[in-house]
ModelCIF file with pLDDT and N, C-alpha, C, O atoms, coordinates in Angstrom:
data_MODEL
#
_entry.id   MODEL 
#
_entity.id                         1 
_entity.type                       polymer 
_entity.pdbx_number_of_molecules   1 
#
_entity_poly.entity_id                      1 
_entity_poly.type                           'polypeptide(L)' 
_entity_poly.nstd_linkage                   no 
_entity_poly.nstd_monomer                   no 
_entity_poly.pdbx_seq_one_letter_code       PDRLDVEVSDEGPGIEDIGLAMKEGYSTAPPEAREMGFGAGMGLPNIK 
_entity_poly.pdbx_seq_one_letter_code_can   PDRLDVEVSDEGPGIEDIGLAMKEGYSTAPPEAREMGFGAGMGLPNIK 
_entity_poly.pdbx_strand_id                 A 
#
loop_
_entity_poly_seq.entity_id 
_entity_poly_seq.num 
_entity_poly_seq.mon_id 
_entity_poly_seq.hetero 
1 1  PRO n 
1 2  ASP n 
1 3  ARG n 
1 4  LEU n 
1 5  ASP n 
1 6  VAL n 
1 7  GLU n 
1 8  VAL n 
1 9  SER n 
1 10 ASP n 
1 11 GLU n 
1 12 GLY n 
1 13 PRO n 
1 14 GLY n 
1 15 ILE n 
1 16 GLU n 
1 17 ASP n 
1 18 ILE n 
1 19 GLY n 
1 20 LEU n 
1 21 ALA n 
1 22 MET n 
1 23 LYS n 
1 24 GLU n 
1 25 GLY n 
1 26 TYR n 
1 27 SER n 
1 28 THR n 
1 29 ALA n 
1 30 PRO n 
1 31 PRO n 
1 32 GLU n 
1 33 ALA n 
1 34 ARG n 
1 35 GLU n 
1 36 MET n 
1 37 GLY n 
1 38 PHE n 
1 39 GLY n 
1 40 ALA n 
1 41 GLY n 
1 42 MET n 
1 43 GLY n 
1 44 LEU n 
1 45 PRO n 
1 46 ASN n 
1 47 ILE n 
1 48 LYS n 
#
_struct_asym.id          A 
_struct_asym.entity_id   1 
#
loop_
_ma_qa_metric.id 
_ma_qa_metric.mode 
_ma_qa_metric.name 
_ma_qa_metric.software_group_id 
_ma_qa_metric.type 
1 global pLDDT . pLDDT 
2 local  pLDDT . pLDDT 
#
_ma_qa_metric_global.metric_id      1 
_ma_qa_metric_global.metric_value   86.96 
_ma_qa_metric_global.model_id       1 
_ma_qa_metric_global.ordinal_id     1 
#
loop_
_ma_qa_metric_local.label_asym_id 
_ma_qa_metric_local.label_comp_id 
_ma_qa_metric_local.label_seq_id 
_ma_qa_metric_local.metric_id 
_ma_qa_metric_local.metric_value 
_ma_qa_metric_local.model_id 
_ma_qa_metric_local.ordinal_id 
A PRO 1  2 78.00 1 1  
A ASP 2  2 77.00 1 2  
A ARG 3  2 84.00 1 3  
A LEU 4  2 91.00 1 4  
A ASP 5  2 92.00 1 5  
A VAL 6  2 95.00 1 6  
A GLU 7  2 95.00 1 7  
A VAL 8  2 96.00 1 8  
A SER 9  2 95.00 1 9  
A ASP 10 2 95.00 1 10 
A GLU 11 2 95.00 1 11 
A GLY 12 2 92.00 1 12 
A PRO 13 2 93.00 1 13 
A GLY 14 2 93.00 1 14 
A ILE 15 2 93.00 1 15 
A GLU 16 2 90.00 1 16 
A ASP 17 2 90.00 1 17 
A ILE 18 2 89.00 1 18 
A GLY 19 2 87.00 1 19 
A LEU 20 2 90.00 1 20 
A ALA 21 2 89.00 1 21 
A MET 22 2 89.00 1 22 
A LYS 23 2 88.00 1 23 
A GLU 24 2 84.00 1 24 
A GLY 25 2 85.00 1 25 
A TYR 26 2 87.00 1 26 
A SER 27 2 87.00 1 27 
A THR 28 2 87.00 1 28 
A ALA 29 2 87.00 1 29 
A PRO 30 2 88.00 1 30 
A PRO 31 2 87.00 1 31 
A GLU 32 2 86.00 1 32 
A ALA 33 2 83.00 1 33 
A ARG 34 2 83.00 1 34 
A GLU 35 2 77.00 1 35 
A MET 36 2 78.00 1 36 
A GLY 37 2 73.00 1 37 
A PHE 38 2 80.00 1 38 
A GLY 39 2 73.00 1 39 
A ALA 40 2 77.00 1 40 
A GLY 41 2 76.00 1 41 
A MET 42 2 83.00 1 42 
A GLY 43 2 86.00 1 43 
A LEU 44 2 92.00 1 44 
A PRO 45 2 89.00 1 45 
A ASN 46 2 89.00 1 46 
A ILE 47 2 92.00 1 47 
A LYS 48 2 89.00 1 48 
#
loop_
_atom_site.group_PDB 
_atom_site.id 
_atom_site.type_symbol 
_atom_site.label_atom_id 
_atom_site.label_alt_id 
_atom_site.label_comp_id 
_atom_site.label_asym_id 
_atom_site.label_entity_id 
_atom_site.label_seq_id 
_atom_site.pdbx_PDB_ins_code 
_atom_site.Cartn_x 
_atom_site.Cartn_y 
_atom_site.Cartn_z 
_atom_site.occupancy 
_atom_site.B_iso_or_equiv 
_atom_site.pdbx_formal_charge 
_atom_site.auth_seq_id 
_atom_site.auth_comp_id 
_atom_site.auth_asym_id 
_atom_site.auth_atom_id 
_atom_site.pdbx_PDB_model_num 
ATOM 1   N N  . PRO A 1 1  ? 161.591 103.422 134.851 1.00 78.00 ? 1  PRO A N  1 
ATOM 2   C CA . PRO A 1 1  ? 161.927 103.790 133.471 1.00 78.00 ? 1  PRO A CA 1 
ATOM 3   C C  . PRO A 1 1  ? 161.975 102.614 132.515 1.00 78.00 ? 1  PRO A C  1 
ATOM 4   O O  . PRO A 1 1  ? 161.699 102.773 131.326 1.00 78.00 ? 1  PRO A O  1 
ATOM 5   N N  . ASP A 1 2  ? 162.325 101.425 133.021 1.00 77.00 ? 2  ASP A N  1 
ATOM 6   C CA . ASP A 1 2  ? 162.484 100.277 132.127 1.00 77.00 ? 2  ASP A CA 1 
ATOM 7   C C  . ASP A 1 2  ? 161.417 99.205  132.268 1.00 77.00 ? 2  ASP A C  1 
ATOM 8   O O  . ASP A 1 2  ? 161.333 98.316  131.421 1.00 77.00 ? 2  ASP A O  1 
ATOM 9   N N  . ARG A 1 3  ? 160.588 99.264  133.331 1.00 84.00 ? 3  ARG A N  1 
ATOM 10  C CA . ARG A 1 3  ? 159.613 98.191  133.506 1.00 84.00 ? 3  ARG A CA 1 
ATOM 11  C C  . ARG A 1 3  ? 158.490 98.601  134.453 1.00 84.00 ? 3  ARG A C  1 
ATOM 12  O O  . ARG A 1 3  ? 158.601 99.564  135.212 1.00 84.00 ? 3  ARG A O  1 
ATOM 13  N N  . LEU A 1 4  ? 157.409 97.835  134.379 1.00 91.00 ? 4  LEU A N  1 
ATOM 14  C CA . LEU A 1 4  ? 156.286 97.950  135.298 1.00 91.00 ? 4  LEU A CA 1 
ATOM 15  C C  . LEU A 1 4  ? 156.305 96.746  136.229 1.00 91.00 ? 4  LEU A C  1 
ATOM 16  O O  . LEU A 1 4  ? 156.398 95.608  135.769 1.00 91.00 ? 4  LEU A O  1 
ATOM 17  N N  . ASP A 1 5  ? 156.218 96.988  137.530 1.00 92.00 ? 5  ASP A N  1 
ATOM 18  C CA . ASP A 1 5  ? 156.129 95.911  138.519 1.00 92.00 ? 5  ASP A CA 1 
ATOM 19  C C  . ASP A 1 5  ? 154.771 95.992  139.214 1.00 92.00 ? 5  ASP A C  1 
ATOM 20  O O  . ASP A 1 5  ? 154.373 97.055  139.693 1.00 92.00 ? 5  ASP A O  1 
ATOM 21  N N  . VAL A 1 6  ? 154.067 94.867  139.266 1.00 95.00 ? 6  VAL A N  1 
ATOM 22  C CA . VAL A 1 6  ? 152.760 94.807  139.912 1.00 95.00 ? 6  VAL A CA 1 
ATOM 23  C C  . VAL A 1 6  ? 152.756 93.645  140.908 1.00 95.00 ? 6  VAL A C  1 
ATOM 24  O O  . VAL A 1 6  ? 153.195 92.540  140.587 1.00 95.00 ? 6  VAL A O  1 
ATOM 25  N N  . GLU A 1 7  ? 152.259 93.905  142.110 1.00 95.00 ? 7  GLU A N  1 
ATOM 26  C CA . GLU A 1 7  ? 152.081 92.857  143.116 1.00 95.00 ? 7  GLU A CA 1 
ATOM 27  C C  . GLU A 1 7  ? 150.633 92.892  143.591 1.00 95.00 ? 7  GLU A C  1 
ATOM 28  O O  . GLU A 1 7  ? 150.115 93.938  143.981 1.00 95.00 ? 7  GLU A O  1 
ATOM 29  N N  . VAL A 1 8  ? 149.985 91.714  143.549 1.00 96.00 ? 8  VAL A N  1 
ATOM 30  C CA . VAL A 1 8  ? 148.597 91.587  143.991 1.00 96.00 ? 8  VAL A CA 1 
ATOM 31  C C  . VAL A 1 8  ? 148.550 90.514  145.073 1.00 96.00 ? 8  VAL A C  1 
ATOM 32  O O  . VAL A 1 8  ? 148.867 89.351  144.823 1.00 96.00 ? 8  VAL A O  1 
ATOM 33  N N  . SER A 1 9  ? 148.152 90.916  146.273 1.00 95.00 ? 9  SER A N  1 
ATOM 34  C CA . SER A 1 9  ? 148.024 89.961  147.376 1.00 95.00 ? 9  SER A CA 1 
ATOM 35  C C  . SER A 1 9  ? 146.587 89.960  147.859 1.00 95.00 ? 9  SER A C  1 
ATOM 36  O O  . SER A 1 9  ? 145.920 90.995  147.844 1.00 95.00 ? 9  SER A O  1 
ATOM 37  N N  . ASP A 1 10 ? 146.102 88.785  148.291 1.00 95.00 ? 10 ASP A N  1 
ATOM 38  C CA . ASP A 1 10 ? 144.707 88.715  148.727 1.00 95.00 ? 10 ASP A CA 1 
ATOM 39  C C  . ASP A 1 10 ? 144.556 87.837  149.960 1.00 95.00 ? 10 ASP A C  1 
ATOM 40  O O  . ASP A 1 10 ? 145.437 87.049  150.302 1.00 95.00 ? 10 ASP A O  1 
ATOM 41  N N  . GLU A 1 11 ? 143.427 87.997  150.607 1.00 95.00 ? 11 GLU A N  1 
ATOM 42  C CA . GLU A 1 11 ? 143.019 87.132  151.712 1.00 95.00 ? 11 GLU A CA 1 
ATOM 43  C C  . GLU A 1 11 ? 141.877 86.275  151.187 1.00 95.00 ? 11 GLU A C  1 
ATOM 44  O O  . GLU A 1 11 ? 140.783 86.772  150.917 1.00 95.00 ? 11 GLU A O  1 
ATOM 45  N N  . GLY A 1 12 ? 142.143 84.991  151.047 1.00 92.00 ? 12 GLY A N  1 
ATOM 46  C CA . GLY A 1 12 ? 141.139 84.128  150.453 1.00 92.00 ? 12 GLY A CA 1 
ATOM 47  C C  . GLY A 1 12 ? 141.452 82.664  150.657 1.00 92.00 ? 12 GLY A C  1 
ATOM 48  O O  . GLY A 1 12 ? 142.238 82.316  151.538 1.00 92.00 ? 12 GLY A O  1 
ATOM 49  N N  . PRO A 1 13 ? 140.849 81.798  149.855 1.00 93.00 ? 13 PRO A N  1 
ATOM 50  C CA . PRO A 1 13 ? 141.028 80.360  150.047 1.00 93.00 ? 13 PRO A CA 1 
ATOM 51  C C  . PRO A 1 13 ? 142.382 79.851  149.603 1.00 93.00 ? 13 PRO A C  1 
ATOM 52  O O  . PRO A 1 13 ? 142.754 78.726  149.938 1.00 93.00 ? 13 PRO A O  1 
ATOM 53  N N  . GLY A 1 14 ? 143.136 80.657  148.851 1.00 93.00 ? 14 GLY A N  1 
ATOM 54  C CA . GLY A 1 14 ? 144.405 80.189  148.339 1.00 93.00 ? 14 GLY A CA 1 
ATOM 55  C C  . GLY A 1 14 ? 144.204 79.203  147.194 1.00 93.00 ? 14 GLY A C  1 
ATOM 56  O O  . GLY A 1 14 ? 143.078 78.928  146.777 1.00 93.00 ? 14 GLY A O  1 
ATOM 57  N N  . ILE A 1 15 ? 145.316 78.680  146.699 1.00 93.00 ? 15 ILE A N  1 
ATOM 58  C CA . ILE A 1 15 ? 145.277 77.751  145.564 1.00 93.00 ? 15 ILE A CA 1 
ATOM 59  C C  . ILE A 1 15 ? 145.855 76.417  146.011 1.00 93.00 ? 15 ILE A C  1 
ATOM 60  O O  . ILE A 1 15 ? 146.997 76.352  146.468 1.00 93.00 ? 15 ILE A O  1 
ATOM 61  N N  . GLU A 1 16 ? 145.076 75.362  145.882 1.00 90.00 ? 16 GLU A N  1 
ATOM 62  C CA . GLU A 1 16 ? 145.519 74.027  146.297 1.00 90.00 ? 16 GLU A CA 1 
ATOM 63  C C  . GLU A 1 16 ? 146.597 73.480  145.372 1.00 90.00 ? 16 GLU A C  1 
ATOM 64  O O  . GLU A 1 16 ? 147.602 72.943  145.837 1.00 90.00 ? 16 GLU A O  1 
ATOM 65  N N  . ASP A 1 17 ? 146.395 73.614  144.069 1.00 90.00 ? 17 ASP A N  1 
ATOM 66  C CA . ASP A 1 17 ? 147.316 73.049  143.076 1.00 90.00 ? 17 ASP A CA 1 
ATOM 67  C C  . ASP A 1 17 ? 147.631 74.124  142.043 1.00 90.00 ? 17 ASP A C  1 
ATOM 68  O O  . ASP A 1 17 ? 146.838 74.362  141.133 1.00 90.00 ? 17 ASP A O  1 
ATOM 69  N N  . ILE A 1 18 ? 148.792 74.778  142.179 1.00 89.00 ? 18 ILE A N  1 
ATOM 70  C CA . ILE A 1 18 ? 149.149 75.877  141.276 1.00 89.00 ? 18 ILE A CA 1 
ATOM 71  C C  . ILE A 1 18 ? 149.317 75.379  139.849 1.00 89.00 ? 18 ILE A C  1 
ATOM 72  O O  . ILE A 1 18 ? 148.917 76.059  138.904 1.00 89.00 ? 18 ILE A O  1 
ATOM 73  N N  . GLY A 1 19 ? 149.904 74.202  139.685 1.00 87.00 ? 19 GLY A N  1 
ATOM 74  C CA . GLY A 1 19 ? 150.087 73.646  138.343 1.00 87.00 ? 19 GLY A CA 1 
ATOM 75  C C  . GLY A 1 19 ? 148.771 73.465  137.619 1.00 87.00 ? 19 GLY A C  1 
ATOM 76  O O  . GLY A 1 19 ? 148.661 73.773  136.432 1.00 87.00 ? 19 GLY A O  1 
ATOM 77  N N  . LEU A 1 20 ? 147.765 72.963  138.334 1.00 90.00 ? 20 LEU A N  1 
ATOM 78  C CA . LEU A 1 20 ? 146.444 72.779  137.739 1.00 90.00 ? 20 LEU A CA 1 
ATOM 79  C C  . LEU A 1 20 ? 145.782 74.119  137.456 1.00 90.00 ? 20 LEU A C  1 
ATOM 80  O O  . LEU A 1 20 ? 145.128 74.290  136.428 1.00 90.00 ? 20 LEU A O  1 
ATOM 81  N N  . ALA A 1 21 ? 145.954 75.072  138.372 1.00 89.00 ? 21 ALA A N  1 
ATOM 82  C CA . ALA A 1 21 ? 145.342 76.390  138.191 1.00 89.00 ? 21 ALA A CA 1 
ATOM 83  C C  . ALA A 1 21 ? 145.914 77.130  136.984 1.00 89.00 ? 21 ALA A C  1 
ATOM 84  O O  . ALA A 1 21 ? 145.254 78.006  136.425 1.00 89.00 ? 21 ALA A O  1 
ATOM 85  N N  . MET A 1 22 ? 147.136 76.782  136.580 1.00 89.00 ? 22 MET A N  1 
ATOM 86  C CA . MET A 1 22 ? 147.763 77.446  135.444 1.00 89.00 ? 22 MET A CA 1 
ATOM 87  C C  . MET A 1 22 ? 147.305 76.877  134.101 1.00 89.00 ? 22 MET A C  1 
ATOM 88  O O  . MET A 1 22 ? 147.656 77.425  133.056 1.00 89.00 ? 22 MET A O  1 
ATOM 89  N N  . LYS A 1 23 ? 146.555 75.825  134.105 1.00 88.00 ? 23 LYS A N  1 
ATOM 90  C CA . LYS A 1 23 ? 146.082 75.235  132.854 1.00 88.00 ? 23 LYS A CA 1 
ATOM 91  C C  . LYS A 1 23 ? 144.907 76.052  132.302 1.00 88.00 ? 23 LYS A C  1 
ATOM 92  O O  . LYS A 1 23 ? 143.992 76.421  133.037 1.00 88.00 ? 23 LYS A O  1 
ATOM 93  N N  . GLU A 1 24 ? 144.954 76.322  131.005 1.00 84.00 ? 24 GLU A N  1 
ATOM 94  C CA . GLU A 1 24 ? 143.885 77.083  130.367 1.00 84.00 ? 24 GLU A CA 1 
ATOM 95  C C  . GLU A 1 24 ? 142.564 76.328  130.468 1.00 84.00 ? 24 GLU A C  1 
ATOM 96  O O  . GLU A 1 24 ? 142.494 75.141  130.150 1.00 84.00 ? 24 GLU A O  1 
ATOM 97  N N  . GLY A 1 25 ? 141.522 77.021  130.912 1.00 85.00 ? 25 GLY A N  1 
ATOM 98  C CA . GLY A 1 25 ? 140.191 76.435  131.005 1.00 85.00 ? 25 GLY A CA 1 
ATOM 99  C C  . GLY A 1 25 ? 139.842 75.886  132.369 1.00 85.00 ? 25 GLY A C  1 
ATOM 100 O O  . GLY A 1 25 ? 138.673 75.621  132.651 1.00 85.00 ? 25 GLY A O  1 
ATOM 101 N N  . TYR A 1 26 ? 140.855 75.710  133.233 1.00 87.00 ? 26 TYR A N  1 
ATOM 102 C CA . TYR A 1 26 ? 140.562 75.197  134.575 1.00 87.00 ? 26 TYR A CA 1 
ATOM 103 C C  . TYR A 1 26 ? 140.066 76.352  135.445 1.00 87.00 ? 26 TYR A C  1 
ATOM 104 O O  . TYR A 1 26 ? 140.696 77.410  135.482 1.00 87.00 ? 26 TYR A O  1 
ATOM 105 N N  . SER A 1 27 ? 138.952 76.164  136.141 1.00 87.00 ? 27 SER A N  1 
ATOM 106 C CA . SER A 1 27 ? 138.375 77.244  136.930 1.00 87.00 ? 27 SER A CA 1 
ATOM 107 C C  . SER A 1 27 ? 137.676 76.705  138.165 1.00 87.00 ? 27 SER A C  1 
ATOM 108 O O  . SER A 1 27 ? 137.055 75.643  138.138 1.00 87.00 ? 27 SER A O  1 
ATOM 109 N N  . THR A 1 28 ? 137.793 77.464  139.249 1.00 87.00 ? 28 THR A N  1 
ATOM 110 C CA . THR A 1 28 ? 137.050 77.171  140.479 1.00 87.00 ? 28 THR A CA 1 
ATOM 111 C C  . THR A 1 28 ? 136.109 78.323  140.817 1.00 87.00 ? 28 THR A C  1 
ATOM 112 O O  . THR A 1 28 ? 135.719 78.493  141.972 1.00 87.00 ? 28 THR A O  1 
ATOM 113 N N  . ALA A 1 29 ? 135.745 79.112  139.812 1.00 87.00 ? 29 ALA A N  1 
ATOM 114 C CA . ALA A 1 29 ? 134.890 80.276  140.033 1.00 87.00 ? 29 ALA A CA 1 
ATOM 115 C C  . ALA A 1 29 ? 133.505 79.843  140.489 1.00 87.00 ? 29 ALA A C  1 
ATOM 116 O O  . ALA A 1 29 ? 133.001 78.825  140.013 1.00 87.00 ? 29 ALA A O  1 
ATOM 117 N N  . PRO A 1 30 ? 132.871 80.586  141.399 1.00 88.00 ? 30 PRO A N  1 
ATOM 118 C CA . PRO A 1 30 ? 131.519 80.251  141.862 1.00 88.00 ? 30 PRO A CA 1 
ATOM 119 C C  . PRO A 1 30 ? 130.489 80.506  140.760 1.00 88.00 ? 30 PRO A C  1 
ATOM 120 O O  . PRO A 1 30 ? 130.781 81.209  139.793 1.00 88.00 ? 30 PRO A O  1 
ATOM 121 N N  . PRO A 1 31 ? 129.284 79.939  140.897 1.00 87.00 ? 31 PRO A N  1 
ATOM 122 C CA . PRO A 1 31 ? 128.244 80.093  139.875 1.00 87.00 ? 31 PRO A CA 1 
ATOM 123 C C  . PRO A 1 31 ? 127.906 81.545  139.539 1.00 87.00 ? 31 PRO A C  1 
ATOM 124 O O  . PRO A 1 31 ? 127.701 81.876  138.371 1.00 87.00 ? 31 PRO A O  1 
ATOM 125 N N  . GLU A 1 32 ? 127.845 82.436  140.574 1.00 86.00 ? 32 GLU A N  1 
ATOM 126 C CA . GLU A 1 32 ? 127.475 83.825  140.288 1.00 86.00 ? 32 GLU A CA 1 
ATOM 127 C C  . GLU A 1 32 ? 128.486 84.508  139.371 1.00 86.00 ? 32 GLU A C  1 
ATOM 128 O O  . GLU A 1 32 ? 128.115 85.347  138.550 1.00 86.00 ? 32 GLU A O  1 
ATOM 129 N N  . ALA A 1 33 ? 129.781 84.143  139.511 1.00 83.00 ? 33 ALA A N  1 
ATOM 130 C CA . ALA A 1 33 ? 130.804 84.713  138.630 1.00 83.00 ? 33 ALA A CA 1 
ATOM 131 C C  . ALA A 1 33 ? 130.617 84.208  137.204 1.00 83.00 ? 33 ALA A C  1 
ATOM 132 O O  . ALA A 1 33 ? 130.741 84.978  136.251 1.00 83.00 ? 33 ALA A O  1 
ATOM 133 N N  . ARG A 1 34 ? 130.323 82.932  137.053 1.00 83.00 ? 34 ARG A N  1 
ATOM 134 C CA . ARG A 1 34 ? 130.135 82.362  135.714 1.00 83.00 ? 34 ARG A CA 1 
ATOM 135 C C  . ARG A 1 34 ? 128.907 82.968  135.031 1.00 83.00 ? 34 ARG A C  1 
ATOM 136 O O  . ARG A 1 34 ? 128.913 83.207  133.824 1.00 83.00 ? 34 ARG A O  1 
ATOM 137 N N  . GLU A 1 35 ? 127.858 83.212  135.816 1.00 77.00 ? 35 GLU A N  1 
ATOM 138 C CA . GLU A 1 35 ? 126.649 83.799  135.249 1.00 77.00 ? 35 GLU A CA 1 
ATOM 139 C C  . GLU A 1 35 ? 126.903 85.194  134.701 1.00 77.00 ? 35 GLU A C  1 
ATOM 140 O O  . GLU A 1 35 ? 126.208 85.644  133.790 1.00 77.00 ? 35 GLU A O  1 
ATOM 141 N N  . MET A 1 36 ? 127.910 85.889  135.260 1.00 78.00 ? 36 MET A N  1 
ATOM 142 C CA . MET A 1 36 ? 128.233 87.244  134.808 1.00 78.00 ? 36 MET A CA 1 
ATOM 143 C C  . MET A 1 36 ? 129.325 87.251  133.748 1.00 78.00 ? 36 MET A C  1 
ATOM 144 O O  . MET A 1 36 ? 129.784 88.314  133.331 1.00 78.00 ? 36 MET A O  1 
ATOM 145 N N  . GLY A 1 37 ? 129.738 86.073  133.316 1.00 73.00 ? 37 GLY A N  1 
ATOM 146 C CA . GLY A 1 37 ? 130.728 85.987  132.247 1.00 73.00 ? 37 GLY A CA 1 
ATOM 147 C C  . GLY A 1 37 ? 132.162 85.887  132.711 1.00 73.00 ? 37 GLY A C  1 
ATOM 148 O O  . GLY A 1 37 ? 133.076 85.920  131.887 1.00 73.00 ? 37 GLY A O  1 
ATOM 149 N N  . PHE A 1 38 ? 132.384 85.764  134.014 1.00 80.00 ? 38 PHE A N  1 
ATOM 150 C CA . PHE A 1 38 ? 133.743 85.616  134.541 1.00 80.00 ? 38 PHE A CA 1 
ATOM 151 C C  . PHE A 1 38 ? 134.029 84.136  134.818 1.00 80.00 ? 38 PHE A C  1 
ATOM 152 O O  . PHE A 1 38 ? 133.139 83.290  134.740 1.00 80.00 ? 38 PHE A O  1 
ATOM 153 N N  . GLY A 1 39 ? 135.296 83.847  135.143 1.00 73.00 ? 39 GLY A N  1 
ATOM 154 C CA . GLY A 1 39 ? 135.648 82.501  135.574 1.00 73.00 ? 39 GLY A CA 1 
ATOM 155 C C  . GLY A 1 39 ? 135.779 81.493  134.463 1.00 73.00 ? 39 GLY A C  1 
ATOM 156 O O  . GLY A 1 39 ? 135.391 80.336  134.626 1.00 73.00 ? 39 GLY A O  1 
ATOM 157 N N  . ALA A 1 40 ? 136.335 81.922  133.303 1.00 77.00 ? 40 ALA A N  1 
ATOM 158 C CA . ALA A 1 40 ? 136.518 80.990  132.186 1.00 77.00 ? 40 ALA A CA 1 
ATOM 159 C C  . ALA A 1 40 ? 137.796 80.177  132.304 1.00 77.00 ? 40 ALA A C  1 
ATOM 160 O O  . ALA A 1 40 ? 138.081 79.338  131.450 1.00 77.00 ? 40 ALA A O  1 
ATOM 161 N N  . GLY A 1 41 ? 138.559 80.419  133.347 1.00 76.00 ? 41 GLY A N  1 
ATOM 162 C CA . GLY A 1 41 ? 139.788 79.653  133.524 1.00 76.00 ? 41 GLY A CA 1 
ATOM 163 C C  . GLY A 1 41 ? 140.960 80.149  132.701 1.00 76.00 ? 41 GLY A C  1 
ATOM 164 O O  . GLY A 1 41 ? 141.899 79.394  132.452 1.00 76.00 ? 41 GLY A O  1 
ATOM 165 N N  . MET A 1 42 ? 140.925 81.414  132.270 1.00 83.00 ? 42 MET A N  1 
ATOM 166 C CA . MET A 1 42 ? 142.016 81.960  131.453 1.00 83.00 ? 42 MET A CA 1 
ATOM 167 C C  . MET A 1 42 ? 142.784 83.061  132.180 1.00 83.00 ? 42 MET A C  1 
ATOM 168 O O  . MET A 1 42 ? 143.714 83.636  131.615 1.00 83.00 ? 42 MET A O  1 
ATOM 169 N N  . GLY A 1 43 ? 142.407 83.365  133.429 1.00 86.00 ? 43 GLY A N  1 
ATOM 170 C CA . GLY A 1 43 ? 143.011 84.489  134.140 1.00 86.00 ? 43 GLY A CA 1 
ATOM 171 C C  . GLY A 1 43 ? 144.510 84.362  134.328 1.00 86.00 ? 43 GLY A C  1 
ATOM 172 O O  . GLY A 1 43 ? 145.271 85.186  133.819 1.00 86.00 ? 43 GLY A O  1 
ATOM 173 N N  . LEU A 1 44 ? 144.948 83.336  135.055 1.00 92.00 ? 44 LEU A N  1 
ATOM 174 C CA . LEU A 1 44 ? 146.383 83.163  135.315 1.00 92.00 ? 44 LEU A CA 1 
ATOM 175 C C  . LEU A 1 44 ? 147.176 82.926  134.031 1.00 92.00 ? 44 LEU A C  1 
ATOM 176 O O  . LEU A 1 44 ? 148.238 83.527  133.874 1.00 92.00 ? 44 LEU A O  1 
ATOM 177 N N  . PRO A 1 45 ? 146.706 82.060  133.084 1.00 89.00 ? 45 PRO A N  1 
ATOM 178 C CA . PRO A 1 45 ? 147.446 81.920  131.828 1.00 89.00 ? 45 PRO A CA 1 
ATOM 179 C C  . PRO A 1 45 ? 147.579 83.235  131.063 1.00 89.00 ? 45 PRO A C  1 
ATOM 180 O O  . PRO A 1 45 ? 148.630 83.497  130.479 1.00 89.00 ? 45 PRO A O  1 
ATOM 181 N N  . ASN A 1 46 ? 146.530 84.073  131.054 1.00 89.00 ? 46 ASN A N  1 
ATOM 182 C CA . ASN A 1 46 ? 146.619 85.365  130.367 1.00 89.00 ? 46 ASN A CA 1 
ATOM 183 C C  . ASN A 1 46 ? 147.643 86.288  131.018 1.00 89.00 ? 46 ASN A C  1 
ATOM 184 O O  . ASN A 1 46 ? 148.372 87.005  130.333 1.00 89.00 ? 46 ASN A O  1 
ATOM 185 N N  . ILE A 1 47 ? 147.690 86.263  132.351 1.00 92.00 ? 47 ILE A N  1 
ATOM 186 C CA . ILE A 1 47 ? 148.678 87.095  133.049 1.00 92.00 ? 47 ILE A CA 1 
ATOM 187 C C  . ILE A 1 47 ? 150.084 86.655  132.676 1.00 92.00 ? 47 ILE A C  1 
ATOM 188 O O  . ILE A 1 47 ? 150.934 87.484  132.351 1.00 92.00 ? 47 ILE A O  1 
ATOM 189 N N  . LYS A 1 48 ? 150.327 85.363  132.722 1.00 89.00 ? 48 LYS A N  1 
ATOM 190 C CA . LYS A 1 48 ? 151.662 84.846  132.409 1.00 89.00 ? 48 LYS A CA 1 
ATOM 191 C C  . LYS A 1 48 ? 152.050 85.141  130.960 1.00 89.00 ? 48 LYS A C  1 
ATOM 192 O O  . LYS A 1 48 ? 153.143 84.777  130.527 1.00 89.00 ? 48 LYS A O  1 
#
């Protein structure tokens, strides 16, 4: 009634440096993702 809670868990490479990953524009997306317009490095900052 008062809030939405979302949890997303994955099996993957993980994040080496969370502080760096939270910086706007920083991205480790593969080339195929960038070619499709993804991986601009704004995902985690936008969520926060």
